[in-house]
Amino acid sequence: AWHRQALGEQRELVARVTYDGVTYYADSMKGRFTIS
């Protein structure tokens, strides 16, 4: 998975991918980010 932390903010999940390639995205990243 990828997480991110902006200055002064909590760390948040960006996207996650299982071994088999199943993906999950945080709502604000959908359509813009691709995890592989």
Full PDB file with SEQRES, HELIX, SHEET, SSBOND, CRYST1, ORIGX, SCALE, CONECT and MASTER records, all heavy atoms in Angstrom:
SEQRES   1 A   36  ALA TRP HIS ARG GLN ALA LEU GLY GLU GLN ARG GLU LEU          
SEQRES   2 A   36  VAL ALA ARG VAL THR TYR ASP GLY VAL THR TYR TYR ALA          
SEQRES   3 A   36  ASP SER MET LYS GLY ARG PHE THR ILE SER                      
HELIX    1 AA1 ASP A   27  MET A   29  5                                   3    
SHEET    1 AA1 3 TRP A   2  ARG A   4  0                                        
SHEET    2 AA1 3 GLU A  12  VAL A  17 -1                                        
SHEET    3 AA1 3 THR A  23  TYR A  25 -1                                        
CRYST1    1.000    1.000    1.000  90.00  90.00  90.00 P 1           1          
ORIGX1      1.000000  0.000000  0.000000        0.00000                         
ORIGX2      0.000000  1.000000  0.000000        0.00000                         
ORIGX3      0.000000  0.000000  1.000000        0.00000                         
SCALE1      1.000000  0.000000  0.000000        0.00000                         
SCALE2      0.000000  1.000000  0.000000        0.00000                         
SCALE3      0.000000  0.000000  1.000000        0.00000                         
ATOM      1  N   ALA A   1       0.835  -1.201   0.000  1.00  0.00           N  
ATOM      2  CA  ALA A   1       0.000   0.000   0.000  1.00  0.00           C  
ATOM      3  C   ALA A   1       0.868   1.249   0.000  1.00  0.00           C  
ATOM      4  O   ALA A   1       2.034   1.214   0.377  1.00  0.00           O  
ATOM      5  CB  ALA A   1      -0.924   0.011   1.219  1.00  0.00           C  
ATOM      6  N   TRP A   2       0.237   2.331  -0.424  1.00  0.00           N  
ATOM      7  CA  TRP A   2       0.840   3.655  -0.313  1.00  0.00           C  
ATOM      8  C   TRP A   2      -0.025   4.489   0.632  1.00  0.00           C  
ATOM      9  O   TRP A   2      -1.251   4.490   0.529  1.00  0.00           O  
ATOM     10  CB  TRP A   2       0.904   4.336  -1.672  1.00  0.00           C  
ATOM     11  CG  TRP A   2       1.920   3.750  -2.582  1.00  0.00           C  
ATOM     12  CD1 TRP A   2       1.717   2.785  -3.534  1.00  0.00           C  
ATOM     13  CD2 TRP A   2       3.312   4.062  -2.625  1.00  0.00           C  
ATOM     14  NE1 TRP A   2       2.894   2.489  -4.158  1.00  0.00           N  
ATOM     15  CE2 TRP A   2       3.892   3.267  -3.625  1.00  0.00           C  
ATOM     16  CE3 TRP A   2       4.132   4.952  -1.930  1.00  0.00           C  
ATOM     17  CZ2 TRP A   2       5.256   3.317  -3.944  1.00  0.00           C  
ATOM     18  CZ3 TRP A   2       5.481   5.007  -2.234  1.00  0.00           C  
ATOM     19  CH2 TRP A   2       6.027   4.201  -3.241  1.00  0.00           C  
ATOM     20  N   HIS A   3       0.653   5.168   1.538  1.00  0.00           N  
ATOM     21  CA  HIS A   3       0.027   6.115   2.433  1.00  0.00           C  
ATOM     22  C   HIS A   3       0.703   7.462   2.205  1.00  0.00           C  
ATOM     23  O   HIS A   3       1.779   7.533   1.616  1.00  0.00           O  
ATOM     24  CB  HIS A   3       0.214   5.695   3.895  1.00  0.00           C  
ATOM     25  CG  HIS A   3      -0.431   4.396   4.240  1.00  0.00           C  
ATOM     26  ND1 HIS A   3      -1.486   4.298   5.117  1.00  0.00           N  
ATOM     27  CD2 HIS A   3      -0.183   3.128   3.826  1.00  0.00           C  
ATOM     28  CE1 HIS A   3      -1.849   3.033   5.249  1.00  0.00           C  
ATOM     29  NE2 HIS A   3      -1.079   2.310   4.461  1.00  0.00           N  
ATOM     30  N   ARG A   4       0.082   8.516   2.698  1.00  0.00           N  
ATOM     31  CA  ARG A   4       0.734   9.818   2.602  1.00  0.00           C  
ATOM     32  C   ARG A   4       0.426  10.635   3.846  1.00  0.00           C  
ATOM     33  O   ARG A   4      -0.590  10.417   4.526  1.00  0.00           O  
ATOM     34  CB  ARG A   4       0.298  10.569   1.352  1.00  0.00           C  
ATOM     35  CG  ARG A   4      -1.138  11.073   1.375  1.00  0.00           C  
ATOM     36  CD  ARG A   4      -1.493  11.725   0.046  1.00  0.00           C  
ATOM     37  NE  ARG A   4      -2.816  12.330   0.071  1.00  0.00           N  
ATOM     38  CZ  ARG A   4      -3.398  12.886  -0.982  1.00  0.00           C  
ATOM     39  NH1 ARG A   4      -2.754  12.928  -2.165  1.00  0.00           N  
ATOM     40  NH2 ARG A   4      -4.597  13.423  -0.883  1.00  0.00           N  
ATOM     41  N   GLN A   5       1.324  11.547   4.131  1.00  0.00           N  
ATOM     42  CA  GLN A   5       1.154  12.420   5.286  1.00  0.00           C  
ATOM     43  C   GLN A   5       1.576  13.826   4.909  1.00  0.00           C  
ATOM     44  O   GLN A   5       2.760  14.072   4.639  1.00  0.00           O  
ATOM     45  CB  GLN A   5       1.961  11.911   6.480  1.00  0.00           C  
ATOM     46  CG  GLN A   5       1.689  12.669   7.763  1.00  0.00           C  
ATOM     47  CD  GLN A   5       2.273  11.964   8.979  1.00  0.00           C  
ATOM     48  OE1 GLN A   5       3.153  11.110   8.873  1.00  0.00           O  
ATOM     49  NE2 GLN A   5       1.768  12.304  10.140  1.00  0.00           N  
ATOM     50  N   ALA A   6       0.606  14.715   4.893  1.00  0.00           N  
ATOM     51  CA  ALA A   6       0.901  16.115   4.645  1.00  0.00           C  
ATOM     52  C   ALA A   6       1.327  16.777   5.950  1.00  0.00           C  
ATOM     53  O   ALA A   6       1.016  16.282   7.043  1.00  0.00           O  
ATOM     54  CB  ALA A   6      -0.323  16.810   4.073  1.00  0.00           C  
ATOM     55  N   LEU A   7       1.995  17.889   5.839  1.00  0.00           N  
ATOM     56  CA  LEU A   7       2.490  18.599   7.011  1.00  0.00           C  
ATOM     57  C   LEU A   7       1.335  18.969   7.935  1.00  0.00           C  
ATOM     58  O   LEU A   7       0.366  19.589   7.516  1.00  0.00           O  
ATOM     59  CB  LEU A   7       3.249  19.851   6.578  1.00  0.00           C  
ATOM     60  CG  LEU A   7       4.096  20.532   7.637  1.00  0.00           C  
ATOM     61  CD1 LEU A   7       5.199  19.593   8.120  1.00  0.00           C  
ATOM     62  CD2 LEU A   7       4.696  21.822   7.099  1.00  0.00           C  
ATOM     63  N   GLY A   8       1.432  18.556   9.173  1.00  0.00           N  
ATOM     64  CA  GLY A   8       0.403  18.869  10.149  1.00  0.00           C  
ATOM     65  C   GLY A   8      -0.838  18.009  10.076  1.00  0.00           C  
ATOM     66  O   GLY A   8      -1.804  18.250  10.812  1.00  0.00           O  
ATOM     67  N   GLU A   9      -0.819  17.011   9.210  1.00  0.00           N  
ATOM     68  CA  GLU A   9      -1.980  16.144   9.036  1.00  0.00           C  
ATOM     69  C   GLU A   9      -1.650  14.713   9.466  1.00  0.00           C  
ATOM     70  O   GLU A   9      -0.488  14.357   9.629  1.00  0.00           O  
ATOM     71  CB  GLU A   9      -2.434  16.150   7.577  1.00  0.00           C  
ATOM     72  CG  GLU A   9      -2.784  17.515   7.017  1.00  0.00           C  
ATOM     73  CD  GLU A   9      -4.063  18.075   7.632  1.00  0.00           C  
ATOM     74  OE1 GLU A   9      -4.912  17.276   8.057  1.00  0.00           O  
ATOM     75  OE2 GLU A   9      -4.179  19.323   7.696  1.00  0.00           O  
ATOM     76  N   GLN A  10      -2.700  13.931   9.623  1.00  0.00           N  
ATOM     77  CA  GLN A  10      -2.503  12.514   9.938  1.00  0.00           C  
ATOM     78  C   GLN A  10      -2.165  11.745   8.662  1.00  0.00           C  
ATOM     79  O   GLN A  10      -2.520  12.148   7.553  1.00  0.00           O  
ATOM     80  CB  GLN A  10      -3.773  11.933  10.568  1.00  0.00           C  
ATOM     81  CG  GLN A  10      -4.045  12.432  11.976  1.00  0.00           C  
ATOM     82  CD  GLN A  10      -5.185  11.672  12.630  1.00  0.00           C  
ATOM     83  OE1 GLN A  10      -6.077  11.160  11.979  1.00  0.00           O  
ATOM     84  NE2 GLN A  10      -5.139  11.580  13.953  1.00  0.00           N  
ATOM     85  N   ARG A  11      -1.478  10.635   8.841  1.00  0.00           N  
ATOM     86  CA  ARG A  11      -1.159   9.766   7.704  1.00  0.00           C  
ATOM     87  C   ARG A  11      -2.454   9.127   7.215  1.00  0.00           C  
ATOM     88  O   ARG A  11      -3.281   8.694   8.003  1.00  0.00           O  
ATOM     89  CB  ARG A  11      -0.155   8.698   8.112  1.00  0.00           C  
ATOM     90  CG  ARG A  11       0.441   7.929   6.960  1.00  0.00           C  
ATOM     91  CD  ARG A  11       1.577   7.012   7.409  1.00  0.00           C  
ATOM     92  NE  ARG A  11       2.688   7.761   7.982  1.00  0.00           N  
ATOM     93  CZ  ARG A  11       3.858   7.195   8.296  1.00  0.00           C  
ATOM     94  NH1 ARG A  11       4.053   5.907   8.061  1.00  0.00           N  
ATOM     95  NH2 ARG A  11       4.807   7.934   8.823  1.00  0.00           N  
ATOM     96  N   GLU A  12      -2.616   9.079   5.890  1.00  0.00           N  
ATOM     97  CA  GLU A  12      -3.823   8.519   5.317  1.00  0.00           C  
ATOM     98  C   GLU A  12      -3.478   7.500   4.236  1.00  0.00           C  
ATOM     99  O   GLU A  12      -2.450   7.604   3.557  1.00  0.00           O  
ATOM    100  CB  GLU A  12      -4.707   9.621   4.715  1.00  0.00           C  
ATOM    101  CG  GLU A  12      -4.079  10.374   3.567  1.00  0.00           C  
ATOM    102  CD  GLU A  12      -5.038  11.355   2.906  1.00  0.00           C  
ATOM    103  OE1 GLU A  12      -6.254  11.285   3.132  1.00  0.00           O  
ATOM    104  OE2 GLU A  12      -4.543  12.198   2.122  1.00  0.00           O  
ATOM    105  N   LEU A  13      -4.367   6.531   4.076  1.00  0.00           N  
ATOM    106  CA  LEU A  13      -4.196   5.521   3.043  1.00  0.00           C  
ATOM    107  C   LEU A  13      -4.522   6.133   1.681  1.00  0.00           C  
ATOM    108  O   LEU A  13      -5.550   6.785   1.506  1.00  0.00           O  
ATOM    109  CB  LEU A  13      -5.122   4.336   3.310  1.00  0.00           C  
ATOM    110  CG  LEU A  13      -5.155   3.244   2.243  1.00  0.00           C  
ATOM    111  CD1 LEU A  13      -3.816   2.535   2.154  1.00  0.00           C  
ATOM    112  CD2 LEU A  13      -6.262   2.235   2.557  1.00  0.00           C  
ATOM    113  N   VAL A  14      -3.641   5.882   0.724  1.00  0.00           N  
ATOM    114  CA  VAL A  14      -3.854   6.351  -0.634  1.00  0.00           C  
ATOM    115  C   VAL A  14      -4.425   5.227  -1.492  1.00  0.00           C  
ATOM    116  O   VAL A  14      -5.460   5.381  -2.146  1.00  0.00           O  
ATOM    117  CB  VAL A  14      -2.531   6.847  -1.248  1.00  0.00           C  
ATOM    118  CG1 VAL A  14      -2.706   7.165  -2.723  1.00  0.00           C  
ATOM    119  CG2 VAL A  14      -2.005   8.055  -0.474  1.00  0.00           C  
ATOM    120  N   ALA A  15      -3.729   4.103  -1.503  1.00  0.00           N  
ATOM    121  CA  ALA A  15      -4.143   2.977  -2.332  1.00  0.00           C  
ATOM    122  C   ALA A  15      -3.485   1.707  -1.808  1.00  0.00           C  
ATOM    123  O   ALA A  15      -2.450   1.764  -1.137  1.00  0.00           O  
ATOM    124  CB  ALA A  15      -3.763   3.198  -3.795  1.00  0.00           C  
ATOM    125  N   ARG A  16      -4.109   0.575  -2.141  1.00  0.00           N  
ATOM    126  CA  ARG A  16      -3.637  -0.713  -1.666  1.00  0.00           C  
ATOM    127  C   ARG A  16      -3.817  -1.743  -2.769  1.00  0.00           C  
ATOM    128  O   ARG A  16      -4.780  -1.672  -3.554  1.00  0.00           O  
ATOM    129  CB  ARG A  16      -4.444  -1.113  -0.419  1.00  0.00           C  
ATOM    130  CG  ARG A  16      -4.034  -2.403   0.250  1.00  0.00           C  
ATOM    131  CD  ARG A  16      -4.905  -2.603   1.502  1.00  0.00           C  
ATOM    132  NE  ARG A  16      -4.536  -3.776   2.274  1.00  0.00           N  
ATOM    133  CZ  ARG A  16      -5.092  -4.976   2.103  1.00  0.00           C  
ATOM    134  NH1 ARG A  16      -6.018  -5.147   1.185  1.00  0.00           N  
ATOM    135  NH2 ARG A  16      -4.702  -5.989   2.843  1.00  0.00           N  
ATOM    136  N   VAL A  17      -2.884  -2.687  -2.852  1.00  0.00           N  
ATOM    137  CA  VAL A  17      -3.004  -3.754  -3.851  1.00  0.00           C  
ATOM    138  C   VAL A  17      -2.629  -5.076  -3.207  1.00  0.00           C  
ATOM    139  O   VAL A  17      -1.618  -5.168  -2.498  1.00  0.00           O  
ATOM    140  CB  VAL A  17      -2.122  -3.460  -5.096  1.00  0.00           C  
ATOM    141  CG1 VAL A  17      -0.646  -3.327  -4.737  1.00  0.00           C  
ATOM    142  CG2 VAL A  17      -2.318  -4.533  -6.171  1.00  0.00           C  
ATOM    143  N   THR A  18      -3.447  -6.091  -3.401  1.00  0.00           N  
ATOM    144  CA  THR A  18      -3.152  -7.410  -2.859  1.00  0.00           C  
ATOM    145  C   THR A  18      -2.145  -8.124  -3.746  1.00  0.00           C  
ATOM    146  O   THR A  18      -1.807  -7.665  -4.841  1.00  0.00           O  
ATOM    147  CB  THR A  18      -4.429  -8.260  -2.767  1.00  0.00           C  
ATOM    148  OG1 THR A  18      -4.878  -8.569  -4.098  1.00  0.00           O  
ATOM    149  CG2 THR A  18      -5.534  -7.531  -2.010  1.00  0.00           C  
ATOM    150  N   TYR A  19      -1.689  -9.277  -3.283  1.00  0.00           N  
ATOM    151  CA  TYR A  19      -0.743 -10.065  -4.077  1.00  0.00           C  
ATOM    152  C   TYR A  19      -1.346 -10.413  -5.443  1.00  0.00           C  
ATOM    153  O   TYR A  19      -0.651 -10.443  -6.450  1.00  0.00           O  
ATOM    154  CB  TYR A  19      -0.375 -11.342  -3.326  1.00  0.00           C  
ATOM    155  CG  TYR A  19       0.589 -12.221  -4.089  1.00  0.00           C  
ATOM    156  CD1 TYR A  19       1.957 -11.999  -4.023  1.00  0.00           C  
ATOM    157  CD2 TYR A  19       0.122 -13.267  -4.882  1.00  0.00           C  
ATOM    158  CE1 TYR A  19       2.835 -12.794  -4.725  1.00  0.00           C  
ATOM    159  CE2 TYR A  19       1.002 -14.074  -5.591  1.00  0.00           C  
ATOM    160  CZ  TYR A  19       2.356 -13.827  -5.506  1.00  0.00           C  
ATOM    161  OH  TYR A  19       3.239 -14.613  -6.220  1.00  0.00           O  
ATOM    162  N   ASP A  20      -2.648 -10.659  -5.446  1.00  0.00           N  
ATOM    163  CA  ASP A  20      -3.330 -11.060  -6.673  1.00  0.00           C  
ATOM    164  C   ASP A  20      -3.763  -9.873  -7.541  1.00  0.00           C  
ATOM    165  O   ASP A  20      -4.402 -10.066  -8.567  1.00  0.00           O  
ATOM    166  CB  ASP A  20      -4.570 -11.902  -6.339  1.00  0.00           C  
ATOM    167  CG  ASP A  20      -4.202 -13.216  -5.687  1.00  0.00           C  
ATOM    168  OD1 ASP A  20      -3.124 -13.747  -6.023  1.00  0.00           O  
ATOM    169  OD2 ASP A  20      -4.980 -13.714  -4.850  1.00  0.00           O  
ATOM    170  N   GLY A  21      -3.442  -8.651  -7.097  1.00  0.00           N  
ATOM    171  CA  GLY A  21      -3.727  -7.489  -7.930  1.00  0.00           C  
ATOM    172  C   GLY A  21      -5.054  -6.802  -7.676  1.00  0.00           C  
ATOM    173  O   GLY A  21      -5.446  -5.922  -8.441  1.00  0.00           O  
ATOM    174  N   VAL A  22      -5.734  -7.187  -6.598  1.00  0.00           N  
ATOM    175  CA  VAL A  22      -6.983  -6.493  -6.270  1.00  0.00           C  
ATOM    176  C   VAL A  22      -6.623  -5.147  -5.643  1.00  0.00           C  
ATOM    177  O   VAL A  22      -5.813  -5.074  -4.723  1.00  0.00           O  
ATOM    178  CB  VAL A  22      -7.836  -7.326  -5.306  1.00  0.00           C  
ATOM    179  CG1 VAL A  22      -9.093  -6.564  -4.893  1.00  0.00           C  
ATOM    180  CG2 VAL A  22      -8.196  -8.661  -5.943  1.00  0.00           C  
ATOM    181  N   THR A  23      -7.237  -4.101  -6.133  1.00  0.00           N  
ATOM    182  CA  THR A  23      -6.858  -2.756  -5.701  1.00  0.00           C  
ATOM    183  C   THR A  23      -7.970  -2.052  -4.930  1.00  0.00           C  
ATOM    184  O   THR A  23      -9.163  -2.362  -5.076  1.00  0.00           O  
ATOM    185  CB  THR A  23      -6.496  -1.886  -6.911  1.00  0.00           C  
ATOM    186  OG1 THR A  23      -7.612  -1.836  -7.812  1.00  0.00           O  
ATOM    187  CG2 THR A  23      -5.281  -2.436  -7.625  1.00  0.00           C  
ATOM    188  N   TYR A  24      -7.541  -1.119  -4.119  1.00  0.00           N  
ATOM    189  CA  TYR A  24      -8.451  -0.249  -3.376  1.00  0.00           C  
ATOM    190  C   TYR A  24      -7.852   1.153  -3.417  1.00  0.00           C  
ATOM    191  O   TYR A  24      -6.650   1.338  -3.281  1.00  0.00           O  
ATOM    192  CB  TYR A  24      -8.596  -0.710  -1.925  1.00  0.00           C  
ATOM    193  CG  TYR A  24      -9.224   0.347  -1.044  1.00  0.00           C  
ATOM    194  CD1 TYR A  24     -10.608   0.466  -0.966  1.00  0.00           C  
ATOM    195  CD2 TYR A  24      -8.444   1.260  -0.332  1.00  0.00           C  
ATOM    196  CE1 TYR A  24     -11.191   1.450  -0.188  1.00  0.00           C  
ATOM    197  CE2 TYR A  24      -9.015   2.243   0.441  1.00  0.00           C  
ATOM    198  CZ  TYR A  24     -10.393   2.336   0.508  1.00  0.00           C  
ATOM    199  OH  TYR A  24     -10.975   3.320   1.268  1.00  0.00           O  
ATOM    200  N   TYR A  25      -8.735   2.153  -3.570  1.00  0.00           N  
ATOM    201  CA  TYR A  25      -8.292   3.537  -3.591  1.00  0.00           C  
ATOM    202  C   TYR A  25      -9.128   4.383  -2.643  1.00  0.00           C  
ATOM    203  O   TYR A  25     -10.345   4.203  -2.536  1.00  0.00           O  
ATOM    204  CB  TYR A  25      -8.427   4.131  -4.998  1.00  0.00           C  
ATOM    205  CG  TYR A  25      -7.565   3.462  -6.032  1.00  0.00           C  
ATOM    206  CD1 TYR A  25      -8.047   2.398  -6.785  1.00  0.00           C  
ATOM    207  CD2 TYR A  25      -6.257   3.878  -6.247  1.00  0.00           C  
ATOM    208  CE1 TYR A  25      -7.268   1.769  -7.735  1.00  0.00           C  
ATOM    209  CE2 TYR A  25      -5.456   3.263  -7.196  1.00  0.00           C  
ATOM    210  CZ  TYR A  25      -5.964   2.211  -7.928  1.00  0.00           C  
ATOM    211  OH  TYR A  25      -5.168   1.590  -8.864  1.00  0.00           O  
ATOM    212  N   ALA A  26      -8.476   5.331  -2.004  1.00  0.00           N  
ATOM    213  CA  ALA A  26      -9.221   6.340  -1.273  1.00  0.00           C  
ATOM    214  C   ALA A  26     -10.008   7.154  -2.294  1.00  0.00           C  
ATOM    215  O   ALA A  26      -9.588   7.315  -3.445  1.00  0.00           O  
ATOM    216  CB  ALA A  26      -8.269   7.241  -0.499  1.00  0.00           C  
ATOM    217  N   ASP A  27     -11.146   7.655  -1.875  1.00  0.00           N  
ATOM    218  CA  ASP A  27     -12.058   8.314  -2.814  1.00  0.00           C  
ATOM    219  C   ASP A  27     -11.395   9.437  -3.595  1.00  0.00           C  
ATOM    220  O   ASP A  27     -11.613   9.581  -4.808  1.00  0.00           O  
ATOM    221  CB  ASP A  27     -13.275   8.851  -2.056  1.00  0.00           C  
ATOM    222  CG  ASP A  27     -14.231   7.748  -1.635  1.00  0.00           C  
ATOM    223  OD1 ASP A  27     -14.115   6.638  -2.194  1.00  0.00           O  
ATOM    224  OD2 ASP A  27     -15.060   7.989  -0.752  1.00  0.00           O  
ATOM    225  N   SER A  28     -10.586  10.247  -2.940  1.00  0.00           N  
ATOM    226  CA  SER A  28     -10.011  11.415  -3.614  1.00  0.00           C  
ATOM    227  C   SER A  28      -8.938  11.040  -4.637  1.00  0.00           C  
ATOM    228  O   SER A  28      -8.510  11.879  -5.430  1.00  0.00           O  
ATOM    229  CB  SER A  28      -9.436  12.385  -2.588  1.00  0.00           C  
ATOM    230  OG  SER A  28      -8.400  11.772  -1.853  1.00  0.00           O  
ATOM    231  N   MET A  29      -8.495   9.774  -4.616  1.00  0.00           N  
ATOM    232  CA  MET A  29      -7.461   9.328  -5.548  1.00  0.00           C  
ATOM    233  C   MET A  29      -8.036   8.582  -6.753  1.00  0.00           C  
ATOM    234  O   MET A  29      -7.330   8.381  -7.740  1.00  0.00           O  
ATOM    235  CB  MET A  29      -6.511   8.361  -4.859  1.00  0.00           C  
ATOM    236  CG  MET A  29      -5.599   8.859  -3.744  1.00  0.00           C  
ATOM    237  SD  MET A  29      -5.813  10.442  -3.014  1.00  0.00           S  
ATOM    238  CE  MET A  29      -5.525  10.074  -1.297  1.00  0.00           C  
ATOM    239  N   LYS A  30      -9.280   8.166  -6.653  1.00  0.00           N  
ATOM    240  CA  LYS A  30      -9.870   7.376  -7.734  1.00  0.00           C  
ATOM    241  C   LYS A  30      -9.861   8.150  -9.041  1.00  0.00           C  
ATOM    242  O   LYS A  30     -10.232   9.312  -9.102  1.00  0.00           O  
ATOM    243  CB  LYS A  30     -11.307   6.983  -7.364  1.00  0.00           C  
ATOM    244  CG  LYS A  30     -11.396   5.956  -6.248  1.00  0.00           C  
ATOM    245  CD  LYS A  30     -12.849   5.632  -5.928  1.00  0.00           C  
ATOM    246  CE  LYS A  30     -12.931   4.623  -4.794  1.00  0.00           C  
ATOM    247  NZ  LYS A  30     -14.334   4.326  -4.413  1.00  0.00           N  
ATOM    248  N   GLY A  31      -9.433   7.474 -10.086  1.00  0.00           N  
ATOM    249  CA  GLY A  31      -9.395   8.086 -11.407  1.00  0.00           C  
ATOM    250  C   GLY A  31      -8.133   8.869 -11.690  1.00  0.00           C  
ATOM    251  O   GLY A  31      -7.862   9.199 -12.850  1.00  0.00           O  
ATOM    252  N   ARG A  32      -7.352   9.177 -10.660  1.00  0.00           N  
ATOM    253  CA  ARG A  32      -6.111   9.920 -10.856  1.00  0.00           C  
ATOM    254  C   ARG A  32      -4.878   9.076 -10.570  1.00  0.00           C  
ATOM    255  O   ARG A  32      -3.853   9.238 -11.217  1.00  0.00           O  
ATOM    256  CB  ARG A  32      -6.076  11.161  -9.958  1.00  0.00           C  
ATOM    257  CG  ARG A  32      -7.185  12.153 -10.199  1.00  0.00           C  
ATOM    258  CD  ARG A  32      -6.922  13.450  -9.446  1.00  0.00           C  
ATOM    259  NE  ARG A  32      -6.793  13.245  -7.997  1.00  0.00           N  
ATOM    260  CZ  ARG A  32      -5.746  13.631  -7.273  1.00  0.00           C  
ATOM    261  NH1 ARG A  32      -4.722  14.232  -7.851  1.00  0.00           N  
ATOM    262  NH2 ARG A  32      -5.728  13.424  -5.959  1.00  0.00           N  
ATOM    263  N   PHE A  33      -4.972   8.218  -9.572  1.00  0.00           N  
ATOM    264  CA  PHE A  33      -3.837   7.393  -9.152  1.00  0.00           C  
ATOM    265  C   PHE A  33      -4.075   5.939  -9.541  1.00  0.00           C  
ATOM    266  O   PHE A  33      -5.220   5.459  -9.511  1.00  0.00           O  
ATOM    267  CB  PHE A  33      -3.653   7.469  -7.645  1.00  0.00           C  
ATOM    268  CG  PHE A  33      -3.200   8.801  -7.121  1.00  0.00           C  
ATOM    269  CD1 PHE A  33      -3.105   9.920  -7.943  1.00  0.00           C  
ATOM    270  CD2 PHE A  33      -2.865   8.940  -5.776  1.00  0.00           C  
ATOM    271  CE1 PHE A  33      -2.685  11.133  -7.444  1.00  0.00           C  
ATOM    272  CE2 PHE A  33      -2.441  10.159  -5.265  1.00  0.00           C  
ATOM    273  CZ  PHE A  33      -2.361  11.260  -6.102  1.00  0.00           C  
ATOM    274  N   THR A  34      -3.004   5.248  -9.869  1.00  0.00           N  
ATOM    275  CA  THR A  34      -3.075   3.832 -10.181  1.00  0.00           C  
ATOM    276  C   THR A  34      -1.965   3.097  -9.437  1.00  0.00           C  
ATOM    277  O   THR A  34      -0.792   3.436  -9.602  1.00  0.00           O  
ATOM    278  CB  THR A  34      -2.929   3.573 -11.683  1.00  0.00           C  
ATOM    279  OG1 THR A  34      -3.948   4.277 -12.395  1.00  0.00           O  
ATOM    280  CG2 THR A  34      -3.043   2.083 -11.981  1.00  0.00           C  
ATOM    281  N   ILE A  35      -2.354   2.123  -8.638  1.00  0.00           N  
ATOM    282  CA  ILE A  35      -1.376   1.312  -7.932  1.00  0.00           C  
ATOM    283  C   ILE A  35      -1.211  -0.001  -8.684  1.00  0.00           C  
ATOM    284  O   ILE A  35      -2.176  -0.562  -9.225  1.00  0.00           O  
ATOM    285  CB  ILE A  35      -1.801   1.055  -6.461  1.00  0.00           C  
ATOM    286  CG1 ILE A  35      -0.670   0.399  -5.674  1.00  0.00           C  
ATOM    287  CG2 ILE A  35      -3.094   0.242  -6.377  1.00  0.00           C  
ATOM    288  CD1 ILE A  35      -0.917   0.330  -4.169  1.00  0.00           C  
ATOM    289  N   SER A  36       0.008  -0.491  -8.722  1.00  0.00           N  
ATOM    290  CA  SER A  36       0.293  -1.765  -9.375  1.00  0.00           C  
ATOM    291  C   SER A  36       1.495  -2.398  -8.688  1.00  0.00           C  
ATOM    292  O   SER A  36       2.124  -1.774  -7.827  1.00  0.00           O  
ATOM    293  CB  SER A  36       0.570  -1.566 -10.872  1.00  0.00           C  
ATOM    294  OG  SER A  36       1.707  -0.735 -11.058  1.00  0.00           O  
TER     295      SER A  36                                                      
MASTER        0    0    0    1    3    0    0    6  294    1    0    3          
END                                                                             
